[in-house]
């Protein structure tokens, strides 16, 4: 991390404000030697700024619900009951990491482990009613906060959604 930057709740912020990946911390890690990539660099910088902004908003929302960003992302991922091993594979992490996360979220009453009707050895993860309520609230708050910070028309918002869905 460059001098002058602090890490707050896992997100890089220079002295408590949002990080601008191009202007802050004294360097632009997106720069390449090829000057003909100017448009691509600007696009990458804009996407990074948007990503940092969304992560910051998500962190604030998670904190309002006494959750971590990782726990909120887990709740948002869990639409249908899913095997822990499938979740670990989808997230590209070790199953033991998923077990620890699930244990913490289960203690909060947000997720439950259910037997798989097709395989007694497998446990499926499913949101509880409380977990669904919190996930829905977080989704609403995130949509509201992002919508407030997006200065564009409904048509532009739909166009941006379409463009981002192609990534």
Foldseek 3Di string as FASTA:
>chain_A
DAPQWDADLNAIDRPPDQDQCPPPRPHRPLDDPDPVCVVVSVVVSVVVSVVSVLQVQLQVLQVVVVHRSVLLVVLLVAPDWDWLVVVCVVVVHDSVVSVVSCVVCVVVVQWDWDADPVDRVTTTIHGDPVNVVSNVVSVVSSVVVVVVVDPDDPVVVVVVVVVVVVD
